[in-house]
C-alpha atoms as a PDB file:
ATOM      1  CA  MET A   1      92.608 130.723  96.543  1.00  0.00           C
ATOM      2  CA  ALA A   2      90.817 130.075  92.908  1.00  0.00           C
ATOM      3  CA  GLU A   3      93.376 127.415  92.407  1.00  0.00           C
ATOM      4  CA  SER A   4      91.067 125.040  94.558  1.00  0.00           C
ATOM      5  CA  GLY A   5      87.803 126.631  92.592  1.00  0.00           C
ATOM      6  CA  ARG A   6      86.158 125.634  89.445  1.00  0.00           C
ATOM      7  CA  GLU A   7      86.641 127.698  85.983  1.00  0.00           C
ATOM      8  CA  LEU A   8      84.189 130.307  86.065  1.00  0.00           C
ATOM      9  CA  THR A   9      81.968 131.227  83.085  1.00  0.00           C
ATOM     10  CA  LEU A  10      80.638 134.845  81.902  1.00  0.00           C
ATOM     11  CA  GLU A  11      77.598 133.708  83.678  1.00  0.00           C
ATOM     12  CA  ASP A  12      79.583 133.648  86.775  1.00  0.00           C
ATOM     13  CA  LEU A  13      80.620 137.306  86.760  1.00  0.00           C
ATOM     14  CA  PRO A  14      80.218 138.602  90.259  1.00  0.00           C
ATOM     15  CA  ARG A  15      78.299 141.414  91.089  1.00  0.00           C
ATOM     16  CA  PRO A  16      79.829 144.774  91.742  1.00  0.00           C
ATOM     17  CA  PRO A  17      81.678 145.948  94.192  1.00  0.00           C
ATOM     18  CA  LEU A  18      84.293 144.433  92.429  1.00  0.00           C
ATOM     19  CA  PHE A  19      88.166 145.093  93.097  1.00  0.00           C
ATOM     20  CA  LYS A  20      91.193 145.433  90.661  1.00  0.00           C
ATOM     21  CA  LEU A  21      94.720 145.942  91.654  1.00  0.00           C
ATOM     22  CA  THR A  22      96.667 149.458  90.906  1.00  0.00           C
ATOM     23  CA  ASP A  23     100.453 150.564  91.885  1.00  0.00           C
ATOM     24  CA  PRO A  24     100.530 153.605  94.700  1.00  0.00           C
ATOM     25  CA  GLU A  25      99.899 156.108  92.319  1.00  0.00           C
ATOM     26  CA  GLY A  26      96.461 154.775  91.913  1.00  0.00           C
ATOM     27  CA  ARG A  27      97.439 153.331  87.926  1.00  0.00           C
ATOM     28  CA  ASP A  28      95.964 150.060  86.690  1.00  0.00           C
ATOM     29  CA  VAL A  29      98.545 147.365  86.508  1.00  0.00           C
ATOM     30  CA  PHE A  30      98.456 144.124  84.200  1.00  0.00           C
ATOM     31  CA  GLN A  31     100.526 141.097  84.191  1.00  0.00           C
ATOM     32  CA  GLU A  32     102.752 140.480  80.786  1.00  0.00           C
ATOM     33  CA  THR A  33     102.838 136.438  80.611  1.00  0.00           C
ATOM     34  CA  GLU A  34     101.854 134.027  77.697  1.00  0.00           C
ATOM     35  CA  VAL A  35      98.416 132.979  76.432  1.00  0.00           C
ATOM     36  CA  GLY A  36      97.984 130.403  73.815  1.00  0.00           C
ATOM     37  CA  GLY A  37     101.678 130.795  72.783  1.00  0.00           C
ATOM     38  CA  GLU A  38     101.495 134.422  72.445  1.00  0.00           C
ATOM     39  CA  ARG A  39     102.798 137.231  74.830  1.00  0.00           C
ATOM     40  CA  ALA A  40      99.778 139.277  76.375  1.00  0.00           C
ATOM     41  CA  GLU A  41      98.695 141.739  79.201  1.00  0.00           C
ATOM     42  CA  VAL A  42      96.352 140.099  81.693  1.00  0.00           C
ATOM     43  CA  ALA A  43      94.165 142.336  83.815  1.00  0.00           C
ATOM     44  CA  ALA A  44      93.117 141.274  87.290  1.00  0.00           C
ATOM     45  CA  LEU A  45      89.569 141.523  88.601  1.00  0.00           C
ATOM     46  CA  PHE A  46      88.432 139.902  91.992  1.00  0.00           C
ATOM     47  CA  SER A  47      84.712 139.427  93.322  1.00  0.00           C
ATOM     48  CA  ASP A  48      85.782 141.321  97.146  1.00  0.00           C
ATOM     49  CA  ARG A  49      88.657 143.196  98.705  1.00  0.00           C
ATOM     50  CA  GLU A  50      90.028 140.342 100.841  1.00  0.00           C
ATOM     51  CA  LEU A  51      90.601 138.050  98.015  1.00  0.00           C
ATOM     52  CA  ALA A  52      92.618 140.968  96.125  1.00  0.00           C
ATOM     53  CA  SER A  53      94.719 141.859  98.540  1.00  0.00           C
ATOM     54  CA  GLU A  54      95.441 137.990  99.061  1.00  0.00           C
ATOM     55  CA  PHE A  55      96.119 137.200  95.609  1.00  0.00           C
ATOM     56  CA  SER A  56      98.332 140.345  95.165  1.00  0.00           C
ATOM     57  CA  ALA A  57     100.539 138.978  98.390  1.00  0.00           C
ATOM     58  CA  GLY A  58     101.194 135.552  96.860  1.00  0.00           C
ATOM     59  CA  ALA A  59     101.060 136.806  93.217  1.00  0.00           C
ATOM     60  CA  ALA A  60     105.141 136.338  92.902  1.00  0.00           C
ATOM     61  CA  ALA A  61     105.006 132.759  93.960  1.00  0.00           C
ATOM     62  CA  HIS A  62     102.908 132.191  90.700  1.00  0.00           C
ATOM     63  CA  GLY A  63     104.778 133.586  88.480  1.00  0.00           C
ATOM     64  CA  MET A  64     102.409 137.115  88.674  1.00  0.00           C
ATOM     65  CA  GLU A  65     104.993 139.189  89.911  1.00  0.00           C
ATOM     66  CA  ASP A  66     103.672 142.371  88.048  1.00  0.00           C
ATOM     67  CA  LEU A  67     100.560 141.774  90.108  1.00  0.00           C
ATOM     68  CA  SER A  68     102.704 141.433  93.433  1.00  0.00           C
ATOM     69  CA  GLY A  69     102.367 143.827  96.418  1.00  0.00           C
ATOM     70  CA  LEU A  70      99.317 146.273  95.079  1.00  0.00           C
ATOM     71  CA  ASP A  71      96.694 147.818  96.363  1.00  0.00           C
ATOM     72  CA  PRO A  72      92.795 146.945  95.664  1.00  0.00           C
ATOM     73  CA  ARG A  73      90.733 149.462  94.628  1.00  0.00           C
ATOM     74  CA  GLU A  74      86.947 149.354  94.075  1.00  0.00           C
ATOM     75  CA  LEU A  75      85.008 149.110  91.121  1.00  0.00           C
ATOM     76  CA  SER A  76      81.463 150.286  92.584  1.00  0.00           C
ATOM     77  CA  ASP A  77      79.178 149.510  89.324  1.00  0.00           C
ATOM     78  CA  TRP A  78      78.729 147.744  86.191  1.00  0.00           C
ATOM     79  CA  ALA A  79      79.677 151.124  84.242  1.00  0.00           C
ATOM     80  CA  ALA A  80      83.291 151.107  86.248  1.00  0.00           C
ATOM     81  CA  VAL A  81      83.621 147.165  85.292  1.00  0.00           C
ATOM     82  CA  GLU A  82      82.903 148.004  82.076  1.00  0.00           C
ATOM     83  CA  ASP A  83      85.318 150.644  81.632  1.00  0.00           C
ATOM     84  CA  PHE A  84      87.914 148.594  83.307  1.00  0.00           C
ATOM     85  CA  ALA A  85      87.332 145.486  81.004  1.00  0.00           C
ATOM     86  CA  LEU A  86      88.219 148.357  78.102  1.00  0.00           C
ATOM     87  CA  SER A  87      91.066 150.248  79.557  1.00  0.00           C
ATOM     88  CA  GLY A  88      93.850 148.103  77.270  1.00  0.00           C
ATOM     89  CA  ALA A  89      94.235 144.706  78.469  1.00  0.00           C
ATOM     90  CA  ASP A  90      94.402 141.476  76.074  1.00  0.00           C
ATOM     91  CA  PHE A  91      92.739 139.486  79.020  1.00  0.00           C
ATOM     92  CA  VAL A  92      90.841 139.566  82.143  1.00  0.00           C
ATOM     93  CA  LEU A  93      91.179 137.376  84.564  1.00  0.00           C
ATOM     94  CA  VAL A  94      88.392 136.961  86.832  1.00  0.00           C
ATOM     95  CA  VAL A  95      89.081 135.484  90.100  1.00  0.00           C
ATOM     96  CA  SER A  96      86.178 134.588  92.879  1.00  0.00           C
ATOM     97  CA  GLU A  97      85.960 132.246  95.900  1.00  0.00           C
ATOM     98  CA  ALA A  98      84.134 129.894  93.649  1.00  0.00           C
ATOM     99  CA  GLY A  99      87.092 129.842  90.659  1.00  0.00           C
ATOM    100  CA  ALA A 100      88.443 131.738  88.283  1.00  0.00           C
ATOM    101  CA  GLY A 101      88.239 132.366  84.761  1.00  0.00           C
ATOM    102  CA  LEU A 102      89.970 134.383  81.685  1.00  0.00           C
ATOM    103  CA  PHE A 103      88.196 136.397  79.311  1.00  0.00           C
ATOM    104  CA  HIS A 104      88.584 138.519  76.439  1.00  0.00           C
ATOM    105  CA  PRO A 105      87.794 142.134  77.405  1.00  0.00           C
ATOM    106  CA  ASP A 106      85.074 142.719  74.786  1.00  0.00           C
ATOM    107  CA  ASP A 107      83.285 139.671  76.113  1.00  0.00           C
ATOM    108  CA  VAL A 108      83.613 140.966  79.973  1.00  0.00           C
ATOM    109  CA  ALA A 109      82.550 144.490  78.858  1.00  0.00           C
ATOM    110  CA  HIS A 110      79.300 142.932  77.222  1.00  0.00           C
ATOM    111  CA  ARG A 111      78.408 141.218  79.812  1.00  0.00           C
ATOM    112  CA  ALA A 112      78.876 144.090  82.251  1.00  0.00           C
ATOM    113  CA  SER A 113      76.795 146.454  79.953  1.00  0.00           C
ATOM    114  CA  GLU A 114      73.791 143.637  79.830  1.00  0.00           C
ATOM    115  CA  MET A 115      73.966 143.266  83.500  1.00  0.00           C
ATOM    116  CA  ALA A 116      73.594 146.834  84.183  1.00  0.00           C
ATOM    117  CA  GLY A 117      70.099 146.545  82.788  1.00  0.00           C
ATOM    118  CA  GLU A 118      69.146 144.007  85.729  1.00  0.00           C
ATOM    119  CA  ILE A 119      68.243 143.772  89.077  1.00  0.00           C
ATOM    120  CA  PRO A 120      70.180 142.241  91.656  1.00  0.00           C
ATOM    121  CA  PHE A 121      67.853 139.579  93.484  1.00  0.00           C
ATOM    122  CA  PRO A 122      67.453 139.411  96.443  1.00  0.00           C
ATOM    123  CA  LEU A 123      66.973 142.933  97.194  1.00  0.00           C
ATOM    124  CA  TYR A 124      66.716 144.468 100.881  1.00  0.00           C
ATOM    125  CA  VAL A 125      65.061 147.409 102.021  1.00  0.00           C
ATOM    126  CA  ILE A 126      65.216 148.978 105.709  1.00  0.00           C
ATOM    127  CA  SER A 127      61.937 148.444 107.413  1.00  0.00           C
ATOM    128  CA  ASP A 128      60.611 148.872 110.849  1.00  0.00           C
ATOM    129  CA  GLU A 129      59.460 146.529 113.534  1.00  0.00           C
ATOM    130  CA  VAL A 130      55.986 145.803 111.210  1.00  0.00           C
ATOM    131  CA  GLY A 131      58.040 145.672 108.107  1.00  0.00           C
ATOM    132  CA  GLU A 132      56.706 149.167 106.574  1.00  0.00           C
ATOM    133  CA  ALA A 133      59.979 150.622 104.779  1.00  0.00           C
ATOM    134  CA  PRO A 134      60.054 154.524 105.168  1.00  0.00           C
ATOM    135  CA  LEU A 135      60.783 156.424 101.890  1.00  0.00           C
ATOM    136  CA  ILE A 136      63.676 159.135 101.473  1.00  0.00           C
ATOM    137  CA  SER A 137      63.217 162.646 100.288  1.00  0.00           C
ATOM    138  CA  VAL A 138      65.707 163.618  98.026  1.00  0.00           C
ATOM    139  CA  GLU A 139      66.315 167.178  96.474  1.00  0.00           C
ATOM    140  CA  VAL A 140      66.087 167.769  93.094  1.00  0.00           C
ATOM    141  CA  GLU A 141      65.655 170.770  90.791  1.00  0.00           C
ATOM    142  CA  GLU A 142      62.180 170.746  90.545  1.00  0.00           C
ATOM    143  CA  GLY A 143      61.551 170.142  94.258  1.00  0.00           C
ATOM    144  CA  GLU A 144      61.785 167.422  96.748  1.00  0.00           C
ATOM    145  CA  VAL A 145      60.754 163.738  95.434  1.00  0.00           C
ATOM    146  CA  LEU A 146      60.113 160.498  97.684  1.00  0.00           C
ATOM    147  CA  VAL A 147      62.351 157.538  96.638  1.00  0.00           C
ATOM    148  CA  ALA A 148      62.188 154.066  97.376  1.00  0.00           C
ATOM    149  CA  ALA A 149      65.370 153.050  98.660  1.00  0.00           C
ATOM    150  CA  LEU A 150      66.520 149.192  97.824  1.00  0.00           C
ATOM    151  CA  PHE A 151      69.936 147.701  98.641  1.00  0.00           C
ATOM    152  CA  SER A 152      71.858 144.498  96.789  1.00  0.00           C
ATOM    153  CA  SER A 153      73.356 143.118  99.948  1.00  0.00           C
ATOM    154  CA  PRO A 154      72.663 143.791 103.957  1.00  0.00           C
ATOM    155  CA  GLU A 155      75.999 145.341 104.202  1.00  0.00           C
ATOM    156  CA  LYS A 156      75.084 148.175 101.682  1.00  0.00           C
ATOM    157  CA  ALA A 157      71.991 148.938 103.357  1.00  0.00           C
ATOM    158  CA  SER A 158      73.819 149.004 106.631  1.00  0.00           C
ATOM    159  CA  ASP A 159      76.295 151.323 105.377  1.00  0.00           C
ATOM    160  CA  PHE A 160      73.810 153.822 103.886  1.00  0.00           C
ATOM    161  CA  ARG A 161      72.139 153.908 107.722  1.00  0.00           C
ATOM    162  CA  GLU A 162      75.536 154.779 109.186  1.00  0.00           C
ATOM    163  CA  MET A 163      76.310 157.405 106.619  1.00  0.00           C
ATOM    164  CA  ALA A 164      72.800 159.027 106.944  1.00  0.00           C
ATOM    165  CA  PRO A 165      72.293 159.083 110.525  1.00  0.00           C
ATOM    166  CA  HIS A 166      69.947 162.243 110.064  1.00  0.00           C
ATOM    167  CA  LEU A 167      67.346 160.082 108.220  1.00  0.00           C
ATOM    168  CA  ASP A 168      66.767 157.907 111.716  1.00  0.00           C
ATOM    169  CA  LEU A 169      65.998 155.192 109.557  1.00  0.00           C
ATOM    170  CA  PRO A 170      64.992 151.704 111.810  1.00  0.00           C
ATOM    171  CA  ASP A 171      67.615 148.715 112.047  1.00  0.00           C
ATOM    172  CA  ASN A 172      65.477 146.273 110.538  1.00  0.00           C
ATOM    173  CA  LEU A 173      65.921 144.565 106.998  1.00  0.00           C
ATOM    174  CA  GLY A 174      63.094 143.209 104.927  1.00  0.00           C
ATOM    175  CA  THR A 175      63.857 140.796 101.916  1.00  0.00           C
ATOM    176  CA  ILE A 176      62.576 141.126  98.449  1.00  0.00           C
ATOM    177  CA  GLU A 177      63.131 137.703  96.800  1.00  0.00           C
ATOM    178  CA  ASP A 178      61.639 138.138  93.147  1.00  0.00           C
ATOM    179  CA  ARG A 179      59.976 140.415  90.591  1.00  0.00           C
ATOM    180  CA  ASP A 180      56.495 139.816  92.061  1.00  0.00           C
ATOM    181  CA  GLY A 181      57.966 140.602  95.539  1.00  0.00           C
ATOM    182  CA  LEU A 182      59.471 144.162  94.096  1.00  0.00           C
ATOM    183  CA  ARG A 183      55.975 144.608  92.295  1.00  0.00           C
ATOM    184  CA  ARG A 184      54.194 144.419  95.507  1.00  0.00           C
ATOM    185  CA  HIS A 185      56.690 146.910  96.732  1.00  0.00           C
ATOM    186  CA  ALA A 186      56.212 149.365  94.359  1.00  0.00           C
ATOM    187  CA  LEU A 187      52.537 149.566  94.619  1.00  0.00           C
ATOM    188  CA  ILE A 188      53.196 150.002  98.230  1.00  0.00           C
ATOM    189  CA  ALA A 189      55.662 152.754  97.858  1.00  0.00           C
ATOM    190  CA  ARG A 190      53.693 154.132  95.064  1.00  0.00           C
ATOM    191  CA  GLU A 191      50.493 154.392  97.065  1.00  0.00           C
ATOM    192  CA  ALA A 192      53.073 156.120  99.921  1.00  0.00           C
ATOM    193  CA  GLY A 193      53.838 158.667  97.527  1.00  0.00           C
ATOM    194  CA  ALA A 194      57.388 157.615  96.111  1.00  0.00           C
ATOM    195  CA  THR A 195      58.223 158.617  92.293  1.00  0.00           C
ATOM    196  CA  TYR A 196      61.380 156.626  92.147  1.00  0.00           C
ATOM    197  CA  ALA A 197      62.948 153.742  93.478  1.00  0.00           C
ATOM    198  CA  VAL A 198      67.091 153.377  93.622  1.00  0.00           C
ATOM    199  CA  VAL A 199      69.409 150.240  93.952  1.00  0.00           C
ATOM    200  CA  ASP A 200      72.062 151.431  96.297  1.00  0.00           C
ATOM    201  CA  PRO A 201      71.274 155.035  96.462  1.00  0.00           C
ATOM    202  CA  ALA A 202      74.630 156.358  98.206  1.00  0.00           C
ATOM    203  CA  SER A 203      75.206 158.131  94.942  1.00  0.00           C
ATOM    204  CA  GLY A 204      71.598 159.817  94.603  1.00  0.00           C
ATOM    205  CA  LEU A 205      69.165 159.401  91.410  1.00  0.00           C
ATOM    206  CA  THR A 206      71.828 158.723  89.294  1.00  0.00           C
ATOM    207  CA  GLU A 207      70.201 155.535  88.289  1.00  0.00           C
ATOM    208  CA  ALA A 208      66.977 155.880  89.591  1.00  0.00           C
ATOM    209  CA  ILE A 209      64.240 153.628  88.274  1.00  0.00           C
ATOM    210  CA  LEU A 210      60.505 154.892  87.714  1.00  0.00           C
ATOM    211  CA  ILE A 211      58.432 153.368  90.379  1.00  0.00           C
ATOM    212  CA  GLU A 212      55.593 152.811  87.683  1.00  0.00           C
ATOM    213  CA  GLU A 213      58.119 150.654  85.617  1.00  0.00           C
ATOM    214  CA  LEU A 214      58.726 147.878  88.447  1.00  0.00           C
ATOM    215  CA  ILE A 215      54.495 148.106  88.790  1.00  0.00           C
ATOM    216  CA  SER A 216      54.023 147.481  84.777  1.00  0.00           C
END
């Protein structure tokens, strides 16, 4: 639990997916408590599903009865985190394996907005035995475009492979450690015909990045 960890700063805000707690109808639940001598409502945000479940199971013993026995619900991207931060609570409690921190909602929302434009290194690519990463064909209004698929974690790469068996993707993973590595990967993808790159492409081209932007 977070009691044994350090105090988090906004720079420690974990990357999505993050998890909130909801009631059986799916509504957000805040803890009514006292912060700085005044009554306040606190929203809770967790770095993983298991931690959210563990926290909720022990919430009553820590004086947070309102958050007891609730269900974790995923916030899949920074936009969802920003929306949750601004959903009406007076404070946001962020809990990860490293520790916990209590923040003003506007600060969490601002940090989420900043992070939405950043690329989460290291990145992972599905590749074959010789290190070549296949491109993915995506249907758009103008026809088909080729996309370089990038993943923020090995788990997301594995989930995508299982979700798209028709693509017959190879089983290996390559790693991109920094912007120089990403630029090299983008150059190779452009030569192979890629127009876009997408990080965690399960939702299609919603947050696609032009390959040229990764090269320049």
